[in-house]
Each structure stands twice: as C-alpha cells, then as structure tokens.
C-alpha atoms as a PDB file:
ATOM      1  CA  MET A   1     -31.427 -22.499 -87.056  1.00  0.00           C
ATOM      2  CA  LYS A   2     -32.067 -25.562 -85.656  1.00  0.00           C
ATOM      3  CA  LEU A   3     -31.868 -28.196 -88.023  1.00  0.00           C
ATOM      4  CA  ARG A   4     -34.163 -30.859 -88.858  1.00  0.00           C
ATOM      5  CA  PRO A   5     -33.476 -34.520 -89.918  1.00  0.00           C
ATOM      6  CA  LEU A   6     -33.360 -34.995 -93.622  1.00  0.00           C
ATOM      7  CA  GLY A   7     -35.267 -38.204 -94.372  1.00  0.00           C
ATOM      8  CA  ARG A   8     -33.526 -40.943 -92.174  1.00  0.00           C
ATOM      9  CA  SER A   9     -30.699 -40.412 -93.774  1.00  0.00           C
ATOM     10  CA  GLY A  10     -28.728 -39.567 -90.519  1.00  0.00           C
ATOM     11  CA  LEU A  11     -27.986 -35.893 -92.377  1.00  0.00           C
ATOM     12  CA  SER A  12     -29.049 -33.040 -90.614  1.00  0.00           C
ATOM     13  CA  VAL A  13     -29.888 -29.768 -92.397  1.00  0.00           C
ATOM     14  CA  ALA A  14     -31.454 -25.885 -91.984  1.00  0.00           C
ATOM     15  CA  PRO A  15     -35.069 -25.498 -92.142  1.00  0.00           C
ATOM     16  CA  LEU A  16     -34.524 -23.530 -95.106  1.00  0.00           C
ATOM     17  CA  ALA A  17     -32.408 -24.667 -98.590  1.00  0.00           C
ATOM     18  CA  PHE A  18     -30.480 -22.322-100.534  1.00  0.00           C
ATOM     19  CA  GLY A  19     -30.827 -22.548-104.461  1.00  0.00           C
ATOM     20  CA  GLY A  20     -27.899 -22.893-106.523  1.00  0.00           C
ATOM     21  CA  ASN A  21     -29.623 -22.339-109.775  1.00  0.00           C
ATOM     22  CA  VAL A  22     -28.944 -18.323-109.991  1.00  0.00           C
ATOM     23  CA  PHE A  23     -25.317 -18.702-109.186  1.00  0.00           C
ATOM     24  CA  GLY A  24     -23.390 -18.058-112.989  1.00  0.00           C
ATOM     25  CA  TRP A  25     -26.666 -17.280-114.066  1.00  0.00           C
ATOM     26  CA  THR A  26     -28.741 -13.999-112.727  1.00  0.00           C
ATOM     27  CA  ILE A  27     -25.344 -13.410-109.894  1.00  0.00           C
ATOM     28  CA  ASP A  28     -21.893 -13.075-110.956  1.00  0.00           C
ATOM     29  CA  GLU A  29     -18.856 -14.932-108.281  1.00  0.00           C
ATOM     30  CA  ALA A  30     -18.553 -12.065-106.147  1.00  0.00           C
ATOM     31  CA  THR A  31     -21.992 -12.082-105.128  1.00  0.00           C
ATOM     32  CA  SER A  32     -22.429 -15.375-105.199  1.00  0.00           C
ATOM     33  CA  PHE A  33     -19.140 -15.587-102.252  1.00  0.00           C
ATOM     34  CA  GLN A  34     -21.007 -12.764-100.249  1.00  0.00           C
ATOM     35  CA  LEU A  35     -25.359 -14.521-100.458  1.00  0.00           C
ATOM     36  CA  LEU A  36     -23.842 -18.269 -99.928  1.00  0.00           C
ATOM     37  CA  ASP A  37     -21.015 -16.910 -97.137  1.00  0.00           C
ATOM     38  CA  ALA A  38     -24.556 -14.859 -95.250  1.00  0.00           C
ATOM     39  CA  TYR A  39     -26.578 -17.995 -95.227  1.00  0.00           C
ATOM     40  CA  VAL A  40     -24.265 -20.213 -93.988  1.00  0.00           C
ATOM     41  CA  GLY A  41     -23.013 -17.201 -91.560  1.00  0.00           C
ATOM     42  CA  ALA A  42     -26.724 -17.542 -90.190  1.00  0.00           C
ATOM     43  CA  GLY A  43     -26.741 -21.188 -89.623  1.00  0.00           C
ATOM     44  CA  GLY A  44     -27.501 -22.695 -92.867  1.00  0.00           C
ATOM     45  CA  ASN A  45     -26.382 -25.432 -94.459  1.00  0.00           C
ATOM     46  CA  LEU A  46     -28.174 -27.304 -97.134  1.00  0.00           C
ATOM     47  CA  ILE A  47     -26.996 -25.390-100.733  1.00  0.00           C
ATOM     48  CA  ASP A  48     -28.363 -27.298-103.550  1.00  0.00           C
ATOM     49  CA  THR A  49     -27.798 -27.188-107.537  1.00  0.00           C
ATOM     50  CA  ALA A  50     -27.879 -29.467-110.695  1.00  0.00           C
ATOM     51  CA  ASP A  51     -25.346 -30.721-113.230  1.00  0.00           C
ATOM     52  CA  MET A  52     -26.880 -28.023-115.722  1.00  0.00           C
ATOM     53  CA  TYR A  53     -26.820 -25.680-114.172  1.00  0.00           C
ATOM     54  CA  SER A  54     -26.705 -23.242-116.201  1.00  0.00           C
ATOM     55  CA  VAL A  55     -26.859 -24.536-119.927  1.00  0.00           C
ATOM     56  CA  TRP A  56     -30.101 -22.858-121.101  1.00  0.00           C
ATOM     57  CA  VAL A  57     -28.028 -19.503-121.092  1.00  0.00           C
ATOM     58  CA  LYS A  58     -26.302 -18.403-124.092  1.00  0.00           C
ATOM     59  CA  GLY A  59     -22.794 -19.364-124.168  1.00  0.00           C
ATOM     60  CA  HIS A  60     -23.261 -22.030-121.770  1.00  0.00           C
ATOM     61  CA  VAL A  61     -22.403 -25.441-121.368  1.00  0.00           C
ATOM     62  CA  GLY A  62     -23.737 -26.443-117.834  1.00  0.00           C
ATOM     63  CA  GLY A  63     -21.987 -26.662-114.244  1.00  0.00           C
ATOM     64  CA  GLU A  64     -21.528 -22.896-114.390  1.00  0.00           C
ATOM     65  CA  SER A  65     -23.291 -23.165-110.373  1.00  0.00           C
ATOM     66  CA  GLU A  66     -21.385 -26.328-109.373  1.00  0.00           C
ATOM     67  CA  THR A  67     -17.782 -24.279-110.780  1.00  0.00           C
ATOM     68  CA  ILE A  68     -18.606 -21.546-108.358  1.00  0.00           C
ATOM     69  CA  ILE A  69     -19.677 -23.414-105.506  1.00  0.00           C
ATOM     70  CA  GLY A  70     -16.754 -25.651-105.334  1.00  0.00           C
ATOM     71  CA  ARG A  71     -14.753 -22.420-105.560  1.00  0.00           C
ATOM     72  CA  TRP A  72     -16.614 -21.074-102.654  1.00  0.00           C
ATOM     73  CA  LEU A  73     -16.236 -24.563-100.689  1.00  0.00           C
ATOM     74  CA  LYS A  74     -11.710 -23.939-101.811  1.00  0.00           C
ATOM     75  CA  ALA A  75     -11.965 -20.594-100.494  1.00  0.00           C
ATOM     76  CA  ARG A  76     -13.605 -20.671 -97.162  1.00  0.00           C
ATOM     77  CA  GLY A  77     -12.276 -24.215 -96.156  1.00  0.00           C
ATOM     78  CA  ASN A  78     -15.489 -25.176 -95.283  1.00  0.00           C
ATOM     79  CA  ARG A  79     -17.203 -28.406 -96.797  1.00  0.00           C
ATOM     80  CA  ALA A  80     -17.667 -30.170 -94.115  1.00  0.00           C
ATOM     81  CA  ARG A  81     -19.855 -27.532 -92.441  1.00  0.00           C
ATOM     82  CA  VAL A  82     -22.142 -27.686 -95.830  1.00  0.00           C
ATOM     83  CA  VAL A  83     -24.137 -30.367 -96.749  1.00  0.00           C
ATOM     84  CA  LEU A  84     -24.183 -30.384-100.816  1.00  0.00           C
ATOM     85  CA  ALA A  85     -26.785 -31.691-102.834  1.00  0.00           C
ATOM     86  CA  THR A  86     -26.697 -31.738-106.657  1.00  0.00           C
ATOM     87  CA  LYS A  87     -28.611 -33.867-109.470  1.00  0.00           C
ATOM     88  CA  VAL A  88     -28.381 -35.645-112.627  1.00  0.00           C
ATOM     89  CA  GLY A  89     -30.149 -36.375-115.417  1.00  0.00           C
ATOM     90  CA  LEU A  90     -31.530 -33.634-117.231  1.00  0.00           C
ATOM     91  CA  GLU A  91     -29.900 -32.480-120.878  1.00  0.00           C
ATOM     92  CA  MET A  92     -26.138 -31.892-120.227  1.00  0.00           C
ATOM     93  CA  ALA A  93     -25.411 -31.494-124.468  1.00  0.00           C
ATOM     94  CA  PRO A  94     -26.987 -33.396-127.017  1.00  0.00           C
ATOM     95  CA  GLY A  95     -26.621 -37.513-126.229  1.00  0.00           C
ATOM     96  CA  GLN A  96     -25.884 -36.791-122.530  1.00  0.00           C
ATOM     97  CA  LYS A  97     -29.020 -36.880-120.670  1.00  0.00           C
ATOM     98  CA  GLY A  98     -31.280 -39.499-118.374  1.00  0.00           C
ATOM     99  CA  LEU A  99     -30.638 -42.378-116.120  1.00  0.00           C
ATOM    100  CA  SER A 100     -28.513 -44.485-117.653  1.00  0.00           C
ATOM    101  CA  ARG A 101     -25.920 -46.809-115.268  1.00  0.00           C
ATOM    102  CA  ALA A 102     -23.251 -45.048-117.761  1.00  0.00           C
ATOM    103  CA  HIS A 103     -24.321 -41.235-117.498  1.00  0.00           C
ATOM    104  CA  ILE A 104     -25.342 -41.217-114.024  1.00  0.00           C
ATOM    105  CA  LEU A 105     -21.266 -42.683-113.609  1.00  0.00           C
ATOM    106  CA  ARG A 106     -19.933 -40.524-115.985  1.00  0.00           C
ATOM    107  CA  SER A 107     -21.618 -37.027-114.446  1.00  0.00           C
ATOM    108  CA  VAL A 108     -20.683 -37.488-111.309  1.00  0.00           C
ATOM    109  CA  GLU A 109     -16.627 -37.716-111.840  1.00  0.00           C
ATOM    110  CA  GLY A 110     -18.186 -34.228-113.470  1.00  0.00           C
ATOM    111  CA  SER A 111     -19.619 -33.324-110.894  1.00  0.00           C
ATOM    112  CA  LEU A 112     -17.317 -33.944-107.987  1.00  0.00           C
ATOM    113  CA  SER A 113     -14.310 -32.276-110.959  1.00  0.00           C
ATOM    114  CA  ARG A 114     -16.454 -29.056-110.311  1.00  0.00           C
ATOM    115  CA  LEU A 115     -17.367 -28.821-106.750  1.00  0.00           C
ATOM    116  CA  GLN A 116     -13.811 -29.658-106.225  1.00  0.00           C
ATOM    117  CA  THR A 117     -14.845 -32.391-103.756  1.00  0.00           C
ATOM    118  CA  ASP A 118     -14.440 -36.247-103.452  1.00  0.00           C
ATOM    119  CA  TYR A 119     -18.540 -36.921-102.182  1.00  0.00           C
ATOM    120  CA  ILE A 120     -21.654 -35.643-103.023  1.00  0.00           C
ATOM    121  CA  ASP A 121     -23.650 -35.565 -99.161  1.00  0.00           C
ATOM    122  CA  LEU A 122     -27.466 -35.822-101.843  1.00  0.00           C
ATOM    123  CA  TYR A 123     -27.006 -36.655-105.144  1.00  0.00           C
ATOM    124  CA  GLN A 124     -30.690 -36.696-106.484  1.00  0.00           C
ATOM    125  CA  SER A 125     -32.357 -37.923-109.852  1.00  0.00           C
ATOM    126  CA  HIS A 126     -33.722 -34.493-111.820  1.00  0.00           C
ATOM    127  CA  TRP A 127     -36.461 -35.765-113.367  1.00  0.00           C
ATOM    128  CA  ASP A 128     -37.408 -39.398-113.443  1.00  0.00           C
ATOM    129  CA  ASP A 129     -36.493 -41.782-116.678  1.00  0.00           C
ATOM    130  CA  PRO A 130     -39.420 -44.491-117.555  1.00  0.00           C
ATOM    131  CA  THR A 131     -36.415 -45.383-120.629  1.00  0.00           C
ATOM    132  CA  VAL A 132     -34.078 -46.836-118.398  1.00  0.00           C
ATOM    133  CA  PRO A 133     -35.151 -49.691-115.451  1.00  0.00           C
ATOM    134  CA  LEU A 134     -35.099 -48.284-112.073  1.00  0.00           C
ATOM    135  CA  GLU A 135     -32.877 -51.464-111.300  1.00  0.00           C
ATOM    136  CA  GLU A 136     -30.530 -50.437-113.382  1.00  0.00           C
ATOM    137  CA  SER A 137     -30.646 -46.408-112.024  1.00  0.00           C
ATOM    138  CA  LEU A 138     -30.747 -47.260-108.213  1.00  0.00           C
ATOM    139  CA  GLY A 139     -27.996 -49.932-108.539  1.00  0.00           C
ATOM    140  CA  ALA A 140     -25.667 -47.272-110.920  1.00  0.00           C
ATOM    141  CA  PHE A 141     -26.618 -44.682-107.149  1.00  0.00           C
ATOM    142  CA  ALA A 142     -26.206 -48.298-104.937  1.00  0.00           C
ATOM    143  CA  GLN A 143     -22.532 -48.391-106.267  1.00  0.00           C
ATOM    144  CA  LEU A 144     -21.735 -44.470-105.454  1.00  0.00           C
ATOM    145  CA  VAL A 145     -22.541 -44.999-102.446  1.00  0.00           C
ATOM    146  CA  LYS A 146     -20.275 -48.134-101.648  1.00  0.00           C
ATOM    147  CA  GLU A 147     -17.662 -45.659-102.679  1.00  0.00           C
ATOM    148  CA  GLY A 148     -18.339 -43.359-100.932  1.00  0.00           C
ATOM    149  CA  LYS A 149     -18.863 -40.678-103.150  1.00  0.00           C
ATOM    150  CA  ALA A 150     -22.461 -40.400-102.410  1.00  0.00           C
ATOM    151  CA  ARG A 151     -23.601 -40.123 -98.862  1.00  0.00           C
ATOM    152  CA  VAL A 152     -27.499 -40.610 -99.511  1.00  0.00           C
ATOM    153  CA  ILE A 153     -30.160 -40.644-102.439  1.00  0.00           C
ATOM    154  CA  GLY A 154     -32.750 -38.123-103.486  1.00  0.00           C
ATOM    155  CA  ALA A 155     -35.323 -38.430-106.031  1.00  0.00           C
ATOM    156  CA  SER A 156     -36.744 -34.943-107.890  1.00  0.00           C
ATOM    157  CA  ASN A 157     -40.175 -34.510-109.730  1.00  0.00           C
ATOM    158  CA  TYR A 158     -41.103 -37.823-109.003  1.00  0.00           C
ATOM    159  CA  ASP A 159     -44.568 -38.951-108.762  1.00  0.00           C
ATOM    160  CA  ALA A 160     -46.132 -41.629-105.997  1.00  0.00           C
ATOM    161  CA  GLY A 161     -45.786 -44.414-108.493  1.00  0.00           C
ATOM    162  CA  ARG A 162     -42.529 -43.783-109.535  1.00  0.00           C
ATOM    163  CA  LEU A 163     -41.262 -43.131-106.152  1.00  0.00           C
ATOM    164  CA  GLN A 164     -43.217 -45.981-104.504  1.00  0.00           C
ATOM    165  CA  GLN A 165     -41.451 -48.188-107.216  1.00  0.00           C
ATOM    166  CA  ALA A 166     -38.779 -46.324-106.624  1.00  0.00           C
ATOM    167  CA  LEU A 167     -38.762 -48.124-103.139  1.00  0.00           C
ATOM    168  CA  THR A 168     -39.581 -51.703-103.761  1.00  0.00           C
ATOM    169  CA  VAL A 169     -36.629 -51.686-105.901  1.00  0.00           C
ATOM    170  CA  SER A 170     -34.170 -50.742-103.755  1.00  0.00           C
ATOM    171  CA  ARG A 171     -35.576 -53.019-101.177  1.00  0.00           C
ATOM    172  CA  GLN A 172     -35.672 -55.890-102.683  1.00  0.00           C
ATOM    173  CA  HIS A 173     -32.155 -55.280-104.144  1.00  0.00           C
ATOM    174  CA  GLY A 174     -30.501 -54.047-100.885  1.00  0.00           C
ATOM    175  CA  PHE A 175     -30.075 -50.697-102.990  1.00  0.00           C
ATOM    176  CA  PRO A 176     -29.959 -47.368-100.854  1.00  0.00           C
ATOM    177  CA  LEU A 177     -33.352 -46.066-100.628  1.00  0.00           C
ATOM    178  CA  PHE A 178     -34.343 -42.479-101.875  1.00  0.00           C
ATOM    179  CA  GLN A 179     -34.296 -40.514 -98.237  1.00  0.00           C
ATOM    180  CA  SER A 180     -35.688 -37.350 -99.732  1.00  0.00           C
ATOM    181  CA  LEU A 181     -38.074 -35.578-102.855  1.00  0.00           C
ATOM    182  CA  GLN A 182     -37.929 -32.502-104.462  1.00  0.00           C
ATOM    183  CA  PRO A 183     -41.057 -31.075-105.836  1.00  0.00           C
ATOM    184  CA  ASN A 184     -42.822 -28.486-107.261  1.00  0.00           C
ATOM    185  CA  TYR A 185     -44.483 -27.231-104.140  1.00  0.00           C
ATOM    186  CA  ASN A 186     -45.819 -23.684-102.472  1.00  0.00           C
ATOM    187  CA  LEU A 187     -49.006 -21.795-101.332  1.00  0.00           C
ATOM    188  CA  TYR A 188     -50.101 -21.538-104.367  1.00  0.00           C
ATOM    189  CA  ASP A 189     -49.284 -25.077-105.845  1.00  0.00           C
ATOM    190  CA  ARG A 190     -50.008 -27.269-103.810  1.00  0.00           C
ATOM    191  CA  SER A 191     -52.745 -30.006-104.897  1.00  0.00           C
ATOM    192  CA  ASP A 192     -50.660 -32.609-106.948  1.00  0.00           C
ATOM    193  CA  PHE A 193     -48.020 -32.559-103.874  1.00  0.00           C
ATOM    194  CA  GLU A 194     -50.685 -33.156-100.702  1.00  0.00           C
ATOM    195  CA  THR A 195     -52.888 -34.898-102.911  1.00  0.00           C
ATOM    196  CA  LYS A 196     -50.801 -37.697-104.345  1.00  0.00           C
ATOM    197  CA  VAL A 197     -47.607 -37.645-102.696  1.00  0.00           C
ATOM    198  CA  GLU A 198     -47.212 -36.078 -99.389  1.00  0.00           C
ATOM    199  CA  GLN A 199     -48.562 -38.987 -97.354  1.00  0.00           C
ATOM    200  CA  LEU A 200     -46.129 -41.330 -99.064  1.00  0.00           C
ATOM    201  CA  CYS A 201     -43.393 -39.039 -98.306  1.00  0.00           C
ATOM    202  CA  LEU A 202     -44.615 -39.212 -94.417  1.00  0.00           C
ATOM    203  CA  ASP A 203     -45.299 -43.111 -93.934  1.00  0.00           C
ATOM    204  CA  GLU A 204     -41.568 -43.608 -95.654  1.00  0.00           C
ATOM    205  CA  GLY A 205     -40.144 -40.664 -93.494  1.00  0.00           C
ATOM    206  CA  ILE A 206     -38.573 -39.671 -96.959  1.00  0.00           C
ATOM    207  CA  GLY A 207     -37.666 -35.482 -95.986  1.00  0.00           C
ATOM    208  CA  VAL A 208     -39.212 -33.450 -98.585  1.00  0.00           C
ATOM    209  CA  ILE A 209     -37.168 -30.010 -99.590  1.00  0.00           C
ATOM    210  CA  GLY A 210     -39.580 -28.326-102.399  1.00  0.00           C
ATOM    211  CA  TYR A 211     -38.243 -25.912-105.206  1.00  0.00           C
ATOM    212  CA  PHE A 212     -40.019 -23.339-106.515  1.00  0.00           C
ATOM    213  CA  SER A 213     -41.061 -22.325-103.628  1.00  0.00           C
ATOM    214  CA  LEU A 214     -42.199 -19.008-103.448  1.00  0.00           C
ATOM    215  CA  ALA A 215     -43.848 -19.449-106.489  1.00  0.00           C
ATOM    216  CA  SER A 216     -41.155 -17.633-108.922  1.00  0.00           C
ATOM    217  CA  GLY A 217     -41.591 -14.981-107.596  1.00  0.00           C
ATOM    218  CA  PHE A 218     -45.399 -14.512-107.372  1.00  0.00           C
ATOM    219  CA  LEU A 219     -45.912 -14.413-103.559  1.00  0.00           C
ATOM    220  CA  THR A 220     -43.497 -11.971-102.776  1.00  0.00           C
ATOM    221  CA  GLY A 221     -45.708  -9.759-103.267  1.00  0.00           C
ATOM    222  CA  LYS A 222     -43.549  -8.197-106.405  1.00  0.00           C
ATOM    223  CA  TYR A 223     -45.636  -9.384-108.979  1.00  0.00           C
ATOM    224  CA  ARG A 224     -49.832  -7.701-109.359  1.00  0.00           C
ATOM    225  CA  SER A 225     -51.232  -6.999-112.099  1.00  0.00           C
ATOM    226  CA  GLU A 226     -49.704  -8.009-115.558  1.00  0.00           C
ATOM    227  CA  ALA A 227     -47.543  -4.726-115.681  1.00  0.00           C
ATOM    228  CA  ASP A 228     -45.011  -6.014-112.777  1.00  0.00           C
ATOM    229  CA  LEU A 229     -44.239  -9.035-114.772  1.00  0.00           C
ATOM    230  CA  GLY A 230     -41.269  -6.695-116.845  1.00  0.00           C
ATOM    231  CA  LYS A 231     -39.695  -6.014-113.334  1.00  0.00           C
ATOM    232  CA  SER A 232     -37.245  -9.746-113.352  1.00  0.00           C
ATOM    233  CA  THR A 233     -36.239 -12.619-116.137  1.00  0.00           C
ATOM    234  CA  ARG A 234     -39.046 -14.628-114.108  1.00  0.00           C
ATOM    235  CA  GLY A 235     -41.948 -12.318-114.690  1.00  0.00           C
ATOM    236  CA  THR A 236     -42.794 -14.155-117.756  1.00  0.00           C
ATOM    237  CA  ARG A 237     -43.779 -17.731-114.994  1.00  0.00           C
ATOM    238  CA  VAL A 238     -45.445 -15.586-113.203  1.00  0.00           C
ATOM    239  CA  LYS A 239     -48.431 -14.497-115.757  1.00  0.00           C
ATOM    240  CA  LYS A 240     -50.105 -17.430-114.664  1.00  0.00           C
ATOM    241  CA  TYR A 241     -50.871 -16.695-110.766  1.00  0.00           C
ATOM    242  CA  LEU A 242     -52.259 -13.714-111.588  1.00  0.00           C
ATOM    243  CA  THR A 243     -55.423 -15.514-110.757  1.00  0.00           C
ATOM    244  CA  PRO A 244     -58.724 -14.324-108.436  1.00  0.00           C
ATOM    245  CA  ARG A 245     -57.106 -17.686-106.317  1.00  0.00           C
ATOM    246  CA  GLY A 246     -53.865 -15.559-106.128  1.00  0.00           C
ATOM    247  CA  PHE A 247     -54.980 -12.286-105.426  1.00  0.00           C
ATOM    248  CA  ARG A 248     -56.875 -14.175-102.479  1.00  0.00           C
ATOM    249  CA  ILE A 249     -53.756 -15.642-101.126  1.00  0.00           C
ATOM    250  CA  LEU A 250     -51.486 -12.218-101.810  1.00  0.00           C
ATOM    251  CA  ALA A 251     -54.501 -10.759 -99.609  1.00  0.00           C
ATOM    252  CA  ALA A 252     -53.997 -13.579 -97.357  1.00  0.00           C
ATOM    253  CA  LEU A 253     -50.191 -12.881 -96.824  1.00  0.00           C
ATOM    254  CA  ASP A 254     -50.450  -9.278 -96.102  1.00  0.00           C
ATOM    255  CA  GLU A 255     -52.676  -9.683 -93.687  1.00  0.00           C
ATOM    256  CA  VAL A 256     -50.066 -12.121 -91.798  1.00  0.00           C
ATOM    257  CA  ALA A 257     -47.390 -10.341 -92.848  1.00  0.00           C
ATOM    258  CA  ALA A 258     -48.821  -7.490 -91.262  1.00  0.00           C
ATOM    259  CA  GLN A 259     -49.283  -8.705 -87.835  1.00  0.00           C
ATOM    260  CA  THR A 260     -46.618 -10.526 -87.669  1.00  0.00           C
ATOM    261  CA  ARG A 261     -44.112  -7.451 -88.866  1.00  0.00           C
ATOM    262  CA  SER A 262     -42.684  -9.161 -91.845  1.00  0.00           C
ATOM    263  CA  THR A 263     -43.146  -9.452 -94.856  1.00  0.00           C
ATOM    264  CA  PRO A 264     -45.391 -12.143 -97.871  1.00  0.00           C
ATOM    265  CA  ALA A 265     -42.041 -13.613 -98.984  1.00  0.00           C
ATOM    266  CA  SER A 266     -41.010 -14.654 -95.071  1.00  0.00           C
ATOM    267  CA  VAL A 267     -44.987 -15.786 -94.519  1.00  0.00           C
ATOM    268  CA  ALA A 268     -44.863 -18.062 -97.477  1.00  0.00           C
ATOM    269  CA  LEU A 269     -41.653 -19.418 -96.070  1.00  0.00           C
ATOM    270  CA  ALA A 270     -42.549 -20.163 -92.794  1.00  0.00           C
ATOM    271  CA  TRP A 271     -45.625 -21.462 -94.088  1.00  0.00           C
ATOM    272  CA  LEU A 272     -43.900 -24.329 -95.946  1.00  0.00           C
ATOM    273  CA  ILE A 273     -41.153 -24.478 -92.874  1.00  0.00           C
ATOM    274  CA  ALA A 274     -43.537 -24.944 -90.312  1.00  0.00           C
ATOM    275  CA  ARG A 275     -45.994 -27.705 -92.518  1.00  0.00           C
ATOM    276  CA  PRO A 276     -45.089 -31.720 -91.190  1.00  0.00           C
ATOM    277  CA  SER A 277     -44.091 -32.923 -93.996  1.00  0.00           C
ATOM    278  CA  VAL A 278     -41.716 -30.526 -94.959  1.00  0.00           C
ATOM    279  CA  THR A 279     -38.331 -30.481 -94.468  1.00  0.00           C
ATOM    280  CA  ALA A 280     -36.248 -27.901 -95.923  1.00  0.00           C
ATOM    281  CA  PRO A 281     -37.718 -25.521 -98.518  1.00  0.00           C
ATOM    282  CA  ILE A 282     -35.366 -24.669-101.496  1.00  0.00           C
ATOM    283  CA  VAL A 283     -34.869 -20.521-102.236  1.00  0.00           C
ATOM    284  CA  SER A 284     -32.766 -18.431-104.484  1.00  0.00           C
ATOM    285  CA  ALA A 285     -31.912 -15.147-103.768  1.00  0.00           C
ATOM    286  CA  THR A 286     -30.110 -12.102-106.146  1.00  0.00           C
ATOM    287  CA  SER A 287     -29.194  -9.719-103.339  1.00  0.00           C
ATOM    288  CA  LEU A 288     -28.139  -9.742 -99.788  1.00  0.00           C
ATOM    289  CA  GLY A 289     -31.528  -7.378 -98.860  1.00  0.00           C
ATOM    290  CA  GLN A 290     -33.665 -10.054-100.441  1.00  0.00           C
ATOM    291  CA  TRP A 291     -32.084 -12.856 -98.958  1.00  0.00           C
ATOM    292  CA  GLN A 292     -32.264 -11.146 -95.284  1.00  0.00           C
ATOM    293  CA  ASP A 293     -35.643 -11.173 -95.742  1.00  0.00           C
ATOM    294  CA  LEU A 294     -36.751 -14.936 -96.690  1.00  0.00           C
ATOM    295  CA  LEU A 295     -33.429 -15.884 -94.253  1.00  0.00           C
ATOM    296  CA  ALA A 296     -35.964 -14.367 -91.411  1.00  0.00           C
ATOM    297  CA  ALA A 297     -39.117 -17.105 -92.099  1.00  0.00           C
ATOM    298  CA  THR A 298     -36.770 -19.036 -90.302  1.00  0.00           C
ATOM    299  CA  GLN A 299     -37.326 -17.413 -86.929  1.00  0.00           C
ATOM    300  CA  LEU A 300     -41.185 -16.806 -88.110  1.00  0.00           C
ATOM    301  CA  GLU A 301     -43.284 -19.158 -85.809  1.00  0.00           C
ATOM    302  CA  LEU A 302     -46.543 -18.886 -87.439  1.00  0.00           C
ATOM    303  CA  ASP A 303     -49.531 -19.404 -85.585  1.00  0.00           C
ATOM    304  CA  ARG A 304     -52.351 -21.528 -85.982  1.00  0.00           C
ATOM    305  CA  PRO A 305     -55.206 -18.433 -86.773  1.00  0.00           C
ATOM    306  CA  ALA A 306     -52.630 -17.388 -89.276  1.00  0.00           C
ATOM    307  CA  ILE A 307     -51.575 -20.852 -90.627  1.00  0.00           C
ATOM    308  CA  GLU A 308     -55.306 -21.540 -90.873  1.00  0.00           C
ATOM    309  CA  ARG A 309     -56.203 -17.831 -92.501  1.00  0.00           C
ATOM    310  CA  LEU A 310     -53.341 -19.151 -95.596  1.00  0.00           C
ATOM    311  CA  ASN A 311     -54.615 -22.231 -96.157  1.00  0.00           C
ATOM    312  CA  ALA A 312     -57.698 -21.169 -96.505  1.00  0.00           C
ATOM    313  CA  ALA A 313     -57.458 -18.786 -98.799  1.00  0.00           C
ATOM    314  CA  SER A 314     -54.978 -21.335-100.479  1.00  0.00           C
ATOM    315  CA  ALA A 315     -57.054 -24.115-100.776  1.00  0.00           C
END
C-alpha cells in the first residue's frame, strides 16, 4: 500500500485503517492475531481502537481490544511498524469518563499498559466533552505529547464549530493541534461531514479517518431486505438504510463492482479512498476472507464515470 500523510502530523499511514472494535467482541484473540498479521503483511500500518472497547459486552470491563493488540504487538515485536491510534473519553465505568485533565492522564496510563507500549502514535478524544473547558483537555493532551506518551492528537465526533474552537485554543496557548478527525462517513452517510466539516479539514490540513465506512455492513450488499437483518449482530443497525436511496446506492455499487470485477464493499471503500479529504477509512473484519475483500479496495482505482455514478446515486 502507498502510504499517505496523516494531516500535518508527520505520520504516514496506509489508505485503509483496521478498526479494533471487533477484537475480543465478535472475534477471539487467535482470529484477531490472524487478521492483524494479514493487514500488516499487505502493507497496512494504522490500527485504531479505544479504551472502552468492548465495555458494552456482558462481562467485559473495557480495554479488551487494547489488551489483544498489546499481546499481538509483543508477540510479533513489530511496534515500530505500526501507527497505533486509541481514544479516551467514553465511559469505562461509573464516574470514569469525559475529557477532564485527571481522567485523560489516568486513562492514558491504562491504555499504555494494555497496549504494552510506552507511547501512542495518535491519541484521540472519543467525543467532545462540553462540560470541560477546551483549555483543560488540550492542556492535558499537550502534557502527554511533551512527555512522549503521545506523538500527536486527534478528535473524534467533533462538529465544525468545536473543532475550529479547539484549533483556536491550541494556537492561543501553544498546545499541539488536532491532526485528525474521525467522523461517521460513508457513501450513504455523507451530508453531515461534507456540508459541515469537510472544508475545514481541507483548509486546516486535518487528516480524516472516518468510521462506519461500510455503514455497519449495509454497503457490502449483505443486507437487501428486513429478512437479512438477522445475519449478524449488527443487523439491527442496518434497518435505517433500507430506503429507496439505500437501494439506489446498492444498485450503483453492484454496477460498478461488475464493471471493475470487484465487490460492492471494495467499491464503497475505494470511493472513500479517492475522496480528496479522506486519509484512510476505518474498517473491521471478522474473517480472513472478508478481510481480503476489504484490502482489495486499496488496489482499486475508480475512474471518473464510476465515481460520478456513485455520487449521483448517493446524492
């Protein structure tokens, strides 16, 4: 894979990121290792996770994904080859959430321990926390960068107003700037990002590593009716996409996939990769075959007619 700059951070990342939310949730440790090996073996290097993955599973306490990644890094001895991204801010336990200075400084130690590393390449605020002054949160991130515990910082789920405000506060105080944004962005969910924050990212040179890149699996073509919703644990999230517009998008994906001898999933990801504002869409997989299909997107270059066909269907 040809690496790309992540904003103005100095980091270079693959055009497709591996989302670690599945580790320890829908796939076990052995399968996680297998898929991580396949990803790095194909030239990938950006692994995204969060401290709270997967606290929503009964019996879990959070940190399961980071723990598996840490064991894999130790077993493979390849820390220097990986750009490791994790997040802080969502609730790990009662009273353990947010972006206060104390919570950030405490949480990073937990992440570093689970990941078995002494630094995080990209440390991200998982969600904006309006109860804490930006000066406090950004000051804490600045301390982590100064101490070498984080190389650069990023934001996830920030709207344009708060992202701009955060950049202004950082410049006023000499704090590190957010170098990336992680929005919900895919061929179906376009309007919020494109109309509200995309231009700011382009103007400020902020890298974009969007999540739900396949709309919870809808853009793979796996779900084409309500009868299909029971095919996976994510099926309930897909129902909202079963609309006339959603079916138009699937028809366009089918058409372009046939023309390029590819699959709907690869085409949907290739469309994102071709977007000038996007650095690397984040995707997850639960099997090696599924992962190979997704990796193929990094070798698929869509021509202008194909992109325009997809743009029109999803407008």
